[in-house]
Amino acid sequence: MLPLILTSAFVALALAAPNPQKIDMDGVDRIPDPTYTIVPGLESTIVPYNPSTAIAAAAAEMTARPLPPPQKRSNSPLVKRVACAPEPTSDNIYGVNLAPEKFSNDPQIEWLTTTPWIGTPLG
């Protein structure tokens, strides 16, 4: 049972996989390799960081290129839905007479009693 579940899970994942990405591999190959310098004996470097300078730079970037205002929806106005039909409160939604003496003679389910593989209900 477990192999069947695992197999069907793998098949479902394979079918649900998105299309392969279309990456320009020649363009990727044209990108130069990154360069870096290793200083012998240097184990760590302190990088100076000034928060006020970073905040000022971010604020200048946001004022130079602000986000566009949100678009208004052009949908039609919402309409209130009508109430759903009430669910039946009885388990006997087909109106079949469930009394044992009437069950096999009910015209709505007569085919059940005359089908040889089902037989007459007991009771």
PDB file of N, CA and C in Angstrom:
ATOM      1  N   MET A   1       0.823  -1.192   0.000  1.00  0.00           N
ATOM      2  CA  MET A   1       0.000   0.000   0.000  1.00  0.00           C
ATOM      3  C   MET A   1       0.872   1.263   0.000  1.00  0.00           C
ATOM      4  N   LEU A   2       1.940   1.219   0.795  1.00  0.00           N
ATOM      5  CA  LEU A   2       2.834   2.369   0.860  1.00  0.00           C
ATOM      6  C   LEU A   2       3.519   2.649  -0.485  1.00  0.00           C
ATOM      7  N   PRO A   3       3.998   1.618  -1.199  1.00  0.00           N
ATOM      8  CA  PRO A   3       4.598   1.925  -2.513  1.00  0.00           C
ATOM      9  C   PRO A   3       3.599   2.552  -3.480  1.00  0.00           C
ATOM     10  N   LEU A   4       2.346   2.142  -3.413  1.00  0.00           N
ATOM     11  CA  LEU A   4       1.332   2.726  -4.284  1.00  0.00           C
ATOM     12  C   LEU A   4       1.126   4.198  -3.948  1.00  0.00           C
ATOM     13  N   ILE A   5       1.086   4.521  -2.660  1.00  0.00           N
ATOM     14  CA  ILE A   5       0.901   5.912  -2.242  1.00  0.00           C
ATOM     15  C   ILE A   5       2.099   6.753  -2.657  1.00  0.00           C
ATOM     16  N   LEU A   6       3.310   6.230  -2.442  1.00  0.00           N
ATOM     17  CA  LEU A   6       4.505   6.983  -2.812  1.00  0.00           C
ATOM     18  C   LEU A   6       4.597   7.179  -4.322  1.00  0.00           C
ATOM     19  N   THR A   7       4.275   6.130  -5.073  1.00  0.00           N
ATOM     20  CA  THR A   7       4.316   6.241  -6.533  1.00  0.00           C
ATOM     21  C   THR A   7       3.323   7.270  -7.025  1.00  0.00           C
ATOM     22  N   SER A   8       2.099   7.227  -6.500  1.00  0.00           N
ATOM     23  CA  SER A   8       1.097   8.196  -6.938  1.00  0.00           C
ATOM     24  C   SER A   8       1.479   9.605  -6.513  1.00  0.00           C
ATOM     25  N   ALA A   9       2.150   9.755  -5.368  1.00  0.00           N
ATOM     26  CA  ALA A   9       2.593  11.082  -4.944  1.00  0.00           C
ATOM     27  C   ALA A   9       3.667  11.615  -5.892  1.00  0.00           C
ATOM     28  N   PHE A  10       4.607  10.767  -6.295  1.00  0.00           N
ATOM     29  CA  PHE A  10       5.646  11.203  -7.224  1.00  0.00           C
ATOM     30  C   PHE A  10       5.064  11.533  -8.604  1.00  0.00           C
ATOM     31  N   VAL A  11       4.088  10.763  -9.036  1.00  0.00           N
ATOM     32  CA  VAL A  11       3.444  11.046 -10.325  1.00  0.00           C
ATOM     33  C   VAL A  11       2.708  12.375 -10.245  1.00  0.00           C
ATOM     34  N   ALA A  12       2.016  12.620  -9.133  1.00  0.00           N
ATOM     35  CA  ALA A  12       1.310  13.887  -8.973  1.00  0.00           C
ATOM     36  C   ALA A  12       2.276  15.063  -8.960  1.00  0.00           C
ATOM     37  N   LEU A  13       3.414  14.899  -8.298  1.00  0.00           N
ATOM     38  CA  LEU A  13       4.403  15.975  -8.287  1.00  0.00           C
ATOM     39  C   LEU A  13       4.985  16.213  -9.680  1.00  0.00           C
ATOM     40  N   ALA A  14       5.210  15.142 -10.416  1.00  0.00           N
ATOM     41  CA  ALA A  14       5.768  15.292 -11.762  1.00  0.00           C
ATOM     42  C   ALA A  14       4.776  15.994 -12.687  1.00  0.00           C
ATOM     43  N   LEU A  15       3.497  15.669 -12.551  1.00  0.00           N
ATOM     44  CA  LEU A  15       2.497  16.299 -13.402  1.00  0.00           C
ATOM     45  C   LEU A  15       2.249  17.740 -13.003  1.00  0.00           C
ATOM     46  N   ALA A  16       2.434  18.066 -11.737  1.00  0.00           N
ATOM     47  CA  ALA A  16       2.177  19.419 -11.269  1.00  0.00           C
ATOM     48  C   ALA A  16       3.388  20.329 -11.427  1.00  0.00           C
ATOM     49  N   ALA A  17       4.511  19.794 -11.883  1.00  0.00           N
ATOM     50  CA  ALA A  17       5.736  20.595 -12.009  1.00  0.00           C
ATOM     51  C   ALA A  17       5.529  21.683 -13.059  1.00  0.00           C
ATOM     52  N   PRO A  18       6.040  22.886 -12.794  1.00  0.00           N
ATOM     53  CA  PRO A  18       5.902  23.950 -13.786  1.00  0.00           C
ATOM     54  C   PRO A  18       6.793  23.690 -14.993  1.00  0.00           C
ATOM     55  N   ASN A  19       6.534  24.431 -16.042  1.00  0.00           N
ATOM     56  CA  ASN A  19       7.359  24.307 -17.245  1.00  0.00           C
ATOM     57  C   ASN A  19       8.793  24.712 -16.910  1.00  0.00           C
ATOM     58  N   PRO A  20       9.764  24.138 -17.593  1.00  0.00           N
ATOM     59  CA  PRO A  20      11.146  24.509 -17.301  1.00  0.00           C
ATOM     60  C   PRO A  20      11.388  25.988 -17.591  1.00  0.00           C
ATOM     61  N   GLN A  21      12.285  26.569 -16.810  1.00  0.00           N
ATOM     62  CA  GLN A  21      12.592  27.976 -17.006  1.00  0.00           C
ATOM     63  C   GLN A  21      13.395  28.149 -18.284  1.00  0.00           C
ATOM     64  N   LYS A  22      13.139  29.244 -18.952  1.00  0.00           N
ATOM     65  CA  LYS A  22      13.858  29.518 -20.196  1.00  0.00           C
ATOM     66  C   LYS A  22      14.990  30.493 -19.877  1.00  0.00           C
ATOM     67  N   ILE A  23      16.107  29.937 -19.457  1.00  0.00           N
ATOM     68  CA  ILE A  23      17.271  30.738 -19.093  1.00  0.00           C
ATOM     69  C   ILE A  23      18.240  30.737 -20.269  1.00  0.00           C
ATOM     70  N   ASP A  24      18.700  31.926 -20.609  1.00  0.00           N
ATOM     71  CA  ASP A  24      19.685  32.065 -21.682  1.00  0.00           C
ATOM     72  C   ASP A  24      21.032  31.600 -21.144  1.00  0.00           C
ATOM     73  N   MET A  25      21.361  30.337 -21.366  1.00  0.00           N
ATOM     74  CA  MET A  25      22.591  29.772 -20.816  1.00  0.00           C
ATOM     75  C   MET A  25      23.834  30.397 -21.453  1.00  0.00           C
ATOM     76  N   ASP A  26      23.744  30.817 -22.731  1.00  0.00           N
ATOM     77  CA  ASP A  26      24.886  31.496 -23.348  1.00  0.00           C
ATOM     78  C   ASP A  26      25.140  32.821 -22.649  1.00  0.00           C
ATOM     79  N   GLY A  27      24.061  33.518 -22.269  1.00  0.00           N
ATOM     80  CA  GLY A  27      24.224  34.775 -21.538  1.00  0.00           C
ATOM     81  C   GLY A  27      24.809  34.545 -20.158  1.00  0.00           C
ATOM     82  N   VAL A  28      24.423  33.459 -19.529  1.00  0.00           N
ATOM     83  CA  VAL A  28      24.985  33.122 -18.220  1.00  0.00           C
ATOM     84  C   VAL A  28      26.470  32.822 -18.366  1.00  0.00           C
ATOM     85  N   ASP A  29      26.847  32.125 -19.436  1.00  0.00           N
ATOM     86  CA  ASP A  29      28.260  31.807 -19.640  1.00  0.00           C
ATOM     87  C   ASP A  29      29.093  33.059 -19.946  1.00  0.00           C
ATOM     88  N   ARG A  30      28.460  34.093 -20.519  1.00  0.00           N
ATOM     89  CA  ARG A  30      29.191  35.324 -20.848  1.00  0.00           C
ATOM     90  C   ARG A  30      29.464  36.182 -19.617  1.00  0.00           C
ATOM     91  N   ILE A  31      28.765  35.962 -18.521  1.00  0.00           N
ATOM     92  CA  ILE A  31      28.990  36.751 -17.306  1.00  0.00           C
ATOM     93  C   ILE A  31      30.361  36.386 -16.744  1.00  0.00           C
ATOM     94  N   PRO A  32      31.186  37.395 -16.464  1.00  0.00           N
ATOM     95  CA  PRO A  32      32.531  37.071 -15.952  1.00  0.00           C
ATOM     96  C   PRO A  32      32.450  36.496 -14.544  1.00  0.00           C
ATOM     97  N   ASP A  33      33.418  35.664 -14.229  1.00  0.00           N
ATOM     98  CA  ASP A  33      33.487  35.089 -12.886  1.00  0.00           C
ATOM     99  C   ASP A  33      33.784  36.198 -11.879  1.00  0.00           C
ATOM    100  N   PRO A  34      33.221  36.103 -10.679  1.00  0.00           N
ATOM    101  CA  PRO A  34      33.508  37.137  -9.687  1.00  0.00           C
ATOM    102  C   PRO A  34      34.966  37.066  -9.241  1.00  0.00           C
ATOM    103  N   THR A  35      35.485  38.220  -8.923  1.00  0.00           N
ATOM    104  CA  THR A  35      36.873  38.271  -8.457  1.00  0.00           C
ATOM    105  C   THR A  35      36.884  38.672  -6.987  1.00  0.00           C
ATOM    106  N   TYR A  36      37.844  38.196  -6.285  1.00  0.00           N
ATOM    107  CA  TYR A  36      37.998  38.534  -4.877  1.00  0.00           C
ATOM    108  C   TYR A  36      39.481  38.455  -4.542  1.00  0.00           C
ATOM    109  N   THR A  37      39.816  39.121  -3.458  1.00  0.00           N
ATOM    110  CA  THR A  37      41.204  39.162  -3.035  1.00  0.00           C
ATOM    111  C   THR A  37      41.315  38.550  -1.658  1.00  0.00           C
ATOM    112  N   ILE A  38      42.255  37.655  -1.496  1.00  0.00           N
ATOM    113  CA  ILE A  38      42.513  37.033  -0.204  1.00  0.00           C
ATOM    114  C   ILE A  38      43.772  37.671   0.369  1.00  0.00           C
ATOM    115  N   VAL A  39      43.615  38.267   1.549  1.00  0.00           N
ATOM    116  CA  VAL A  39      44.769  38.866   2.219  1.00  0.00           C
ATOM    117  C   VAL A  39      45.312  37.826   3.188  1.00  0.00           C
ATOM    118  N   PRO A  40      46.551  37.387   2.992  1.00  0.00           N
ATOM    119  CA  PRO A  40      47.113  36.372   3.884  1.00  0.00           C
ATOM    120  C   PRO A  40      47.182  36.877   5.333  1.00  0.00           C
ATOM    121  N   GLY A  41      46.750  36.039   6.268  1.00  0.00           N
ATOM    122  CA  GLY A  41      46.820  36.367   7.682  1.00  0.00           C
ATOM    123  C   GLY A  41      45.638  37.178   8.194  1.00  0.00           C
ATOM    124  N   LEU A  42      44.790  37.684   7.322  1.00  0.00           N
ATOM    125  CA  LEU A  42      43.647  38.485   7.754  1.00  0.00           C
ATOM    126  C   LEU A  42      42.483  37.540   8.047  1.00  0.00           C
ATOM    127  N   GLU A  43      42.056  37.503   9.307  1.00  0.00           N
ATOM    128  CA  GLU A  43      40.993  36.588   9.688  1.00  0.00           C
ATOM    129  C   GLU A  43      39.625  37.255   9.686  1.00  0.00           C
ATOM    130  N   SER A  44      39.567  38.543   9.971  1.00  0.00           N
ATOM    131  CA  SER A  44      38.275  39.230   9.962  1.00  0.00           C
ATOM    132  C   SER A  44      38.489  40.679   9.571  1.00  0.00           C
ATOM    133  N   THR A  45      37.433  41.293   9.093  1.00  0.00           N
ATOM    134  CA  THR A  45      37.473  42.688   8.684  1.00  0.00           C
ATOM    135  C   THR A  45      36.281  43.402   9.303  1.00  0.00           C
ATOM    136  N   ILE A  46      36.503  44.568   9.842  1.00  0.00           N
ATOM    137  CA  ILE A  46      35.412  45.371  10.375  1.00  0.00           C
ATOM    138  C   ILE A  46      34.931  46.283   9.258  1.00  0.00           C
ATOM    139  N   VAL A  47      33.653  46.143   8.923  1.00  0.00           N
ATOM    140  CA  VAL A  47      33.067  46.957   7.868  1.00  0.00           C
ATOM    141  C   VAL A  47      32.317  48.100   8.539  1.00  0.00           C
ATOM    142  N   PRO A  48      32.704  49.335   8.261  1.00  0.00           N
ATOM    143  CA  PRO A  48      31.999  50.450   8.894  1.00  0.00           C
ATOM    144  C   PRO A  48      30.591  50.606   8.311  1.00  0.00           C
ATOM    145  N   TYR A  49      29.638  50.894   9.200  1.00  0.00           N
ATOM    146  CA  TYR A  49      28.246  51.056   8.777  1.00  0.00           C
ATOM    147  C   TYR A  49      27.667  52.248   9.512  1.00  0.00           C
ATOM    148  N   ASN A  50      27.165  53.197   8.775  1.00  0.00           N
ATOM    149  CA  ASN A  50      26.565  54.383   9.357  1.00  0.00           C
ATOM    150  C   ASN A  50      25.057  54.328   9.091  1.00  0.00           C
ATOM    151  N   PRO A  51      24.224  54.069  10.114  1.00  0.00           N
ATOM    152  CA  PRO A  51      22.791  53.943   9.888  1.00  0.00           C
ATOM    153  C   PRO A  51      22.144  55.209   9.351  1.00  0.00           C
ATOM    154  N   SER A  52      22.583  56.368   9.792  1.00  0.00           N
ATOM    155  CA  SER A  52      21.946  57.604   9.318  1.00  0.00           C
ATOM    156  C   SER A  52      22.214  57.816   7.827  1.00  0.00           C
ATOM    157  N   THR A  53      23.396  57.458   7.358  1.00  0.00           N
ATOM    158  CA  THR A  53      23.693  57.561   5.928  1.00  0.00           C
ATOM    159  C   THR A  53      22.843  56.583   5.130  1.00  0.00           C
ATOM    160  N   ALA A  54      22.666  55.370   5.648  1.00  0.00           N
ATOM    161  CA  ALA A  54      21.851  54.379   4.955  1.00  0.00           C
ATOM    162  C   ALA A  54      20.387  54.809   4.904  1.00  0.00           C
ATOM    163  N   ILE A  55      19.884  55.385   5.997  1.00  0.00           N
ATOM    164  CA  ILE A  55      18.488  55.850   6.027  1.00  0.00           C
ATOM    165  C   ILE A  55      18.296  57.005   5.061  1.00  0.00           C
ATOM    166  N   ALA A  56      19.263  57.931   5.024  1.00  0.00           N
ATOM    167  CA  ALA A  56      19.168  59.075   4.115  1.00  0.00           C
ATOM    168  C   ALA A  56      19.192  58.609   2.654  1.00  0.00           C
ATOM    169  N   ALA A  57      20.025  57.620   2.350  1.00  0.00           N
ATOM    170  CA  ALA A  57      20.096  57.110   0.986  1.00  0.00           C
ATOM    171  C   ALA A  57      18.793  56.408   0.599  1.00  0.00           C
ATOM    172  N   ALA A  58      18.222  55.647   1.539  1.00  0.00           N
ATOM    173  CA  ALA A  58      16.960  54.968   1.254  1.00  0.00           C
ATOM    174  C   ALA A  58      15.830  55.968   1.086  1.00  0.00           C
ATOM    175  N   ALA A  59      15.811  57.014   1.911  1.00  0.00           N
ATOM    176  CA  ALA A  59      14.770  58.038   1.794  1.00  0.00           C
ATOM    177  C   ALA A  59      14.882  58.780   0.468  1.00  0.00           C
ATOM    178  N   ALA A  60      16.097  59.079   0.047  1.00  0.00           N
ATOM    179  CA  ALA A  60      16.287  59.752  -1.238  1.00  0.00           C
ATOM    180  C   ALA A  60      15.825  58.869  -2.390  1.00  0.00           C
ATOM    181  N   GLU A  61      16.083  57.567  -2.296  1.00  0.00           N
ATOM    182  CA  GLU A  61      15.645  56.629  -3.338  1.00  0.00           C
ATOM    183  C   GLU A  61      14.127  56.560  -3.399  1.00  0.00           C
ATOM    184  N   MET A  62      13.478  56.553  -2.227  1.00  0.00           N
ATOM    185  CA  MET A  62      12.008  56.452  -2.207  1.00  0.00           C
ATOM    186  C   MET A  62      11.348  57.719  -2.731  1.00  0.00           C
ATOM    187  N   THR A  63      11.919  58.885  -2.426  1.00  0.00           N
ATOM    188  CA  THR A  63      11.314  60.113  -2.938  1.00  0.00           C
ATOM    189  C   THR A  63      11.601  60.291  -4.425  1.00  0.00           C
ATOM    190  N   ALA A  64      12.713  59.773  -4.909  1.00  0.00           N
ATOM    191  CA  ALA A  64      13.035  59.892  -6.329  1.00  0.00           C
ATOM    192  C   ALA A  64      12.149  58.977  -7.173  1.00  0.00           C
ATOM    193  N   ARG A  65      11.829  57.790  -6.657  1.00  0.00           N
ATOM    194  CA  ARG A  65      11.000  56.841  -7.412  1.00  0.00           C
ATOM    195  C   ARG A  65       9.877  56.329  -6.509  1.00  0.00           C
ATOM    196  N   PRO A  66       8.832  57.129  -6.283  1.00  0.00           N
ATOM    197  CA  PRO A  66       7.755  56.672  -5.398  1.00  0.00           C
ATOM    198  C   PRO A  66       6.912  55.587  -6.064  1.00  0.00           C
ATOM    199  N   LEU A  67       6.222  54.838  -5.235  1.00  0.00           N
ATOM    200  CA  LEU A  67       5.319  53.811  -5.758  1.00  0.00           C
ATOM    201  C   LEU A  67       4.115  54.466  -6.408  1.00  0.00           C
ATOM    202  N   PRO A  68       3.577  53.867  -7.475  1.00  0.00           N
ATOM    203  CA  PRO A  68       2.370  54.444  -8.076  1.00  0.00           C
ATOM    204  C   PRO A  68       1.187  54.275  -7.122  1.00  0.00           C
ATOM    205  N   PRO A  69       0.197  55.172  -7.211  1.00  0.00           N
ATOM    206  CA  PRO A  69      -0.971  55.020  -6.331  1.00  0.00           C
ATOM    207  C   PRO A  69      -1.731  53.741  -6.678  1.00  0.00           C
ATOM    208  N   PRO A  70      -2.392  53.153  -5.707  1.00  0.00           N
ATOM    209  CA  PRO A  70      -3.128  51.913  -5.991  1.00  0.00           C
ATOM    210  C   PRO A  70      -4.260  52.168  -6.974  1.00  0.00           C
ATOM    211  N   GLN A  71      -4.477  51.194  -7.843  1.00  0.00           N
ATOM    212  CA  GLN A  71      -5.529  51.306  -8.850  1.00  0.00           C
ATOM    213  C   GLN A  71      -6.882  51.016  -8.225  1.00  0.00           C
ATOM    214  N   LYS A  72      -7.895  51.768  -8.633  1.00  0.00           N
ATOM    215  CA  LYS A  72      -9.242  51.487  -8.154  1.00  0.00           C
ATOM    216  C   LYS A  72      -9.805  50.317  -8.938  1.00  0.00           C
ATOM    217  N   ARG A  73     -10.605  49.534  -8.259  1.00  0.00           N
ATOM    218  CA  ARG A  73     -11.216  48.390  -8.931  1.00  0.00           C
ATOM    219  C   ARG A  73     -12.304  48.862  -9.880  1.00  0.00           C
ATOM    220  N   SER A  74     -12.369  48.217 -10.996  1.00  0.00           N
ATOM    221  CA  SER A  74     -13.403  48.560 -11.968  1.00  0.00           C
ATOM    222  C   SER A  74     -14.487  47.487 -12.016  1.00  0.00           C
ATOM    223  N   ASN A  75     -14.581  46.708 -10.957  1.00  0.00           N
ATOM    224  CA  ASN A  75     -15.589  45.649 -10.916  1.00  0.00           C
ATOM    225  C   ASN A  75     -16.973  46.263 -10.782  1.00  0.00           C
ATOM    226  N   SER A  76     -17.960  45.508 -11.166  1.00  0.00           N
ATOM    227  CA  SER A  76     -19.332  45.956 -10.954  1.00  0.00           C
ATOM    228  C   SER A  76     -19.618  45.936  -9.462  1.00  0.00           C
ATOM    229  N   PRO A  77     -20.607  46.687  -9.019  1.00  0.00           N
ATOM    230  CA  PRO A  77     -20.883  46.711  -7.577  1.00  0.00           C
ATOM    231  C   PRO A  77     -21.284  45.333  -7.063  1.00  0.00           C
ATOM    232  N   LEU A  78     -20.970  45.102  -5.814  1.00  0.00           N
ATOM    233  CA  LEU A  78     -21.293  43.818  -5.217  1.00  0.00           C
ATOM    234  C   LEU A  78     -22.793  43.679  -5.028  1.00  0.00           C
ATOM    235  N   VAL A  79     -23.262  42.487  -5.275  1.00  0.00           N
ATOM    236  CA  VAL A  79     -24.689  42.210  -5.141  1.00  0.00           C
ATOM    237  C   VAL A  79     -24.852  41.190  -4.027  1.00  0.00           C
ATOM    238  N   LYS A  80     -25.811  41.455  -3.145  1.00  0.00           N
ATOM    239  CA  LYS A  80     -26.050  40.534  -2.053  1.00  0.00           C
ATOM    240  C   LYS A  80     -26.635  39.239  -2.605  1.00  0.00           C
ATOM    241  N   ARG A  81     -26.112  38.115  -2.139  1.00  0.00           N
ATOM    242  CA  ARG A  81     -26.596  36.829  -2.614  1.00  0.00           C
ATOM    243  C   ARG A  81     -27.920  36.487  -1.956  1.00  0.00           C
ATOM    244  N   VAL A  82     -28.690  35.703  -2.668  1.00  0.00           N
ATOM    245  CA  VAL A  82     -29.953  35.241  -2.098  1.00  0.00           C
ATOM    246  C   VAL A  82     -29.673  34.074  -1.166  1.00  0.00           C
ATOM    247  N   ALA A  83     -30.608  33.829  -0.281  1.00  0.00           N
ATOM    248  CA  ALA A  83     -30.441  32.745   0.675  1.00  0.00           C
ATOM    249  C   ALA A  83     -30.484  31.400  -0.041  1.00  0.00           C
ATOM    250  N   CYS A  84     -29.722  30.475   0.469  1.00  0.00           N
ATOM    251  CA  CYS A  84     -29.709  29.129  -0.094  1.00  0.00           C
ATOM    252  C   CYS A  84     -30.975  28.394   0.321  1.00  0.00           C
ATOM    253  N   ALA A  85     -31.304  27.394  -0.457  1.00  0.00           N
ATOM    254  CA  ALA A  85     -32.462  26.573  -0.110  1.00  0.00           C
ATOM    255  C   ALA A  85     -32.148  25.805   1.169  1.00  0.00           C
ATOM    256  N   PRO A  86     -33.142  25.621   2.035  1.00  0.00           N
ATOM    257  CA  PRO A  86     -32.865  24.895   3.275  1.00  0.00           C
ATOM    258  C   PRO A  86     -32.532  23.435   2.991  1.00  0.00           C
ATOM    259  N   GLU A  87     -31.648  22.907   3.796  1.00  0.00           N
ATOM    260  CA  GLU A  87     -31.279  21.503   3.672  1.00  0.00           C
ATOM    261  C   GLU A  87     -32.404  20.638   4.235  1.00  0.00           C
ATOM    262  N   PRO A  88     -32.596  19.448   3.670  1.00  0.00           N
ATOM    263  CA  PRO A  88     -33.630  18.567   4.227  1.00  0.00           C
ATOM    264  C   PRO A  88     -33.259  18.135   5.640  1.00  0.00           C
ATOM    265  N   THR A  89     -34.273  18.029   6.482  1.00  0.00           N
ATOM    266  CA  THR A  89     -34.017  17.655   7.874  1.00  0.00           C
ATOM    267  C   THR A  89     -34.188  16.164   8.095  1.00  0.00           C
ATOM    268  N   SER A  90     -34.677  15.456   7.095  1.00  0.00           N
ATOM    269  CA  SER A  90     -34.921  14.024   7.231  1.00  0.00           C
ATOM    270  C   SER A  90     -33.834  13.249   6.515  1.00  0.00           C
ATOM    271  N   ASP A  91     -33.483  12.093   7.067  1.00  0.00           N
ATOM    272  CA  ASP A  91     -32.526  11.227   6.374  1.00  0.00           C
ATOM    273  C   ASP A  91     -33.164  10.583   5.161  1.00  0.00           C
ATOM    274  N   ASN A  92     -34.501  10.529   5.119  1.00  0.00           N
ATOM    275  CA  ASN A  92     -35.235   9.899   4.037  1.00  0.00           C
ATOM    276  C   ASN A  92     -35.591  10.960   3.000  1.00  0.00           C
ATOM    277  N   ILE A  93     -34.570  11.444   2.257  1.00  0.00           N
ATOM    278  CA  ILE A  93     -34.798  12.547   1.325  1.00  0.00           C
ATOM    279  C   ILE A  93     -35.504  12.106   0.048  1.00  0.00           C
ATOM    280  N   TYR A  94     -35.602  10.788  -0.203  1.00  0.00           N
ATOM    281  CA  TYR A  94     -36.252  10.322  -1.422  1.00  0.00           C
ATOM    282  C   TYR A  94     -37.708   9.957  -1.200  1.00  0.00           C
ATOM    283  N   GLY A  95     -38.180  10.035   0.023  1.00  0.00           N
ATOM    284  CA  GLY A  95     -39.580   9.736   0.305  1.00  0.00           C
ATOM    285  C   GLY A  95     -39.918   8.257   0.179  1.00  0.00           C
ATOM    286  N   VAL A  96     -38.972   7.389   0.439  1.00  0.00           N
ATOM    287  CA  VAL A  96     -39.203   5.955   0.335  1.00  0.00           C
ATOM    288  C   VAL A  96     -39.798   5.458   1.653  1.00  0.00           C
ATOM    289  N   ASN A  97     -40.809   4.610   1.572  1.00  0.00           N
ATOM    290  CA  ASN A  97     -41.406   4.024   2.770  1.00  0.00           C
ATOM    291  C   ASN A  97     -40.446   2.968   3.291  1.00  0.00           C
ATOM    292  N   LEU A  98     -39.892   3.194   4.482  1.00  0.00           N
ATOM    293  CA  LEU A  98     -38.856   2.317   5.010  1.00  0.00           C
ATOM    294  C   LEU A  98     -39.405   1.171   5.862  1.00  0.00           C
ATOM    295  N   ALA A  99     -40.716   1.059   5.967  1.00  0.00           N
ATOM    296  CA  ALA A  99     -41.277  -0.064   6.713  1.00  0.00           C
ATOM    297  C   ALA A  99     -40.946  -1.351   5.967  1.00  0.00           C
ATOM    298  N   PRO A 100     -40.511  -2.410   6.675  1.00  0.00           N
ATOM    299  CA  PRO A 100     -40.075  -3.637   5.990  1.00  0.00           C
ATOM    300  C   PRO A 100     -41.119  -4.224   5.063  1.00  0.00           C
ATOM    301  N   GLU A 101     -42.393  -4.182   5.446  1.00  0.00           N
ATOM    302  CA  GLU A 101     -43.412  -4.783   4.580  1.00  0.00           C
ATOM    303  C   GLU A 101     -43.702  -3.938   3.349  1.00  0.00           C
ATOM    304  N   LYS A 102     -43.410  -2.650   3.365  1.00  0.00           N
ATOM    305  CA  LYS A 102     -43.677  -1.771   2.223  1.00  0.00           C
ATOM    306  C   LYS A 102     -42.435  -1.515   1.379  1.00  0.00           C
ATOM    307  N   PHE A 103     -41.270  -1.789   1.927  1.00  0.00           N
ATOM    308  CA  PHE A 103     -40.023  -1.429   1.266  1.00  0.00           C
ATOM    309  C   PHE A 103     -39.884  -2.091  -0.099  1.00  0.00           C
ATOM    310  N   SER A 104     -40.099  -3.380  -0.174  1.00  0.00           N
ATOM    311  CA  SER A 104     -39.889  -4.095  -1.434  1.00  0.00           C
ATOM    312  C   SER A 104     -40.965  -3.794  -2.464  1.00  0.00           C
ATOM    313  N   ASN A 105     -42.091  -3.206  -2.059  1.00  0.00           N
ATOM    314  CA  ASN A 105     -43.154  -2.873  -3.013  1.00  0.00           C
ATOM    315  C   ASN A 105     -43.163  -1.398  -3.387  1.00  0.00           C
ATOM    316  N   ASP A 106     -42.211  -0.633  -2.938  1.00  0.00           N
ATOM    317  CA  ASP A 106     -42.181   0.802  -3.236  1.00  0.00           C
ATOM    318  C   ASP A 106     -41.786   0.997  -4.699  1.00  0.00           C
ATOM    319  N   PRO A 107     -42.577   1.732  -5.489  1.00  0.00           N
ATOM    320  CA  PRO A 107     -42.268   1.881  -6.919  1.00  0.00           C
ATOM    321  C   PRO A 107     -40.992   2.687  -7.182  1.00  0.00           C
ATOM    322  N   GLN A 108     -40.580   3.532  -6.231  1.00  0.00           N
ATOM    323  CA  GLN A 108     -39.377   4.343  -6.465  1.00  0.00           C
ATOM    324  C   GLN A 108     -38.103   3.498  -6.431  1.00  0.00           C
ATOM    325  N   ILE A 109     -38.135   2.419  -5.684  1.00  0.00           N
ATOM    326  CA  ILE A 109     -36.930   1.593  -5.573  1.00  0.00           C
ATOM    327  C   ILE A 109     -37.198   0.145  -5.972  1.00  0.00           C
ATOM    328  N   GLU A 110     -38.186  -0.051  -6.803  1.00  0.00           N
ATOM    329  CA  GLU A 110     -38.539  -1.404  -7.225  1.00  0.00           C
ATOM    330  C   GLU A 110     -37.382  -2.085  -7.947  1.00  0.00           C
ATOM    331  N   TRP A 111     -36.628  -1.327  -8.678  1.00  0.00           N
ATOM    332  CA  TRP A 111     -35.505  -1.917  -9.417  1.00  0.00           C
ATOM    333  C   TRP A 111     -34.484  -2.539  -8.462  1.00  0.00           C
ATOM    334  N   LEU A 112     -34.396  -2.018  -7.237  1.00  0.00           N
ATOM    335  CA  LEU A 112     -33.461  -2.617  -6.280  1.00  0.00           C
ATOM    336  C   LEU A 112     -33.905  -4.012  -5.865  1.00  0.00           C
ATOM    337  N   THR A 113     -35.202  -4.192  -5.743  1.00  0.00           N
ATOM    338  CA  THR A 113     -35.695  -5.486  -5.268  1.00  0.00           C
ATOM    339  C   THR A 113     -35.762  -6.514  -6.379  1.00  0.00           C
ATOM    340  N   THR A 114     -35.814  -6.069  -7.615  1.00  0.00           N
ATOM    341  CA  THR A 114     -35.896  -7.024  -8.715  1.00  0.00           C
ATOM    342  C   THR A 114     -34.537  -7.342  -9.327  1.00  0.00           C
ATOM    343  N   THR A 115     -33.513  -6.624  -8.945  1.00  0.00           N
ATOM    344  CA  THR A 115     -32.179  -6.893  -9.461  1.00  0.00           C
ATOM    345  C   THR A 115     -31.637  -8.139  -8.767  1.00  0.00           C
ATOM    346  N   PRO A 116     -31.213  -9.161  -9.524  1.00  0.00           N
ATOM    347  CA  PRO A 116     -30.819 -10.422  -8.901  1.00  0.00           C
ATOM    348  C   PRO A 116     -29.607 -10.321  -7.975  1.00  0.00           C
ATOM    349  N   TRP A 117     -28.693  -9.432  -8.232  1.00  0.00           N
ATOM    350  CA  TRP A 117     -27.496  -9.356  -7.415  1.00  0.00           C
ATOM    351  C   TRP A 117     -27.739  -8.634  -6.090  1.00  0.00           C
ATOM    352  N   ILE A 118     -28.884  -7.968  -5.936  1.00  0.00           N
ATOM    353  CA  ILE A 118     -29.164  -7.280  -4.688  1.00  0.00           C
ATOM    354  C   ILE A 118     -30.044  -8.130  -3.780  1.00  0.00           C
ATOM    355  N   GLY A 119     -31.126  -8.683  -4.311  1.00  0.00           N
ATOM    356  CA  GLY A 119     -32.006  -9.535  -3.516  1.00  0.00           C
ATOM    357  C   GLY A 119     -33.004  -8.722  -2.694  1.00  0.00           C
ATOM    358  N   THR A 120     -33.840  -9.424  -1.994  1.00  0.00           N
ATOM    359  CA  THR A 120     -34.863  -8.784  -1.171  1.00  0.00           C
ATOM    360  C   THR A 120     -34.259  -8.410   0.181  1.00  0.00           C
ATOM    361  N   PRO A 121     -34.517  -7.180   0.651  1.00  0.00           N
ATOM    362  CA  PRO A 121     -33.947  -6.797   1.929  1.00  0.00           C
ATOM    363  C   PRO A 121     -34.539  -7.612   3.069  1.00  0.00           C
ATOM    364  N   LEU A 122     -33.704  -7.879   4.055  1.00  0.00           N
ATOM    365  CA  LEU A 122     -34.159  -8.626   5.214  1.00  0.00           C
ATOM    366  C   LEU A 122     -34.775  -7.657   6.208  1.00  0.00           C
ATOM    367  N   GLY A 123     -35.717  -8.169   6.994  1.00  0.00           N
ATOM    368  CA  GLY A 123     -36.283  -7.294   8.019  1.00  0.00           C
ATOM    369  C   GLY A 123     -37.689  -7.315   8.042  1.00  0.00           C
TER     370      GLY A 123
END
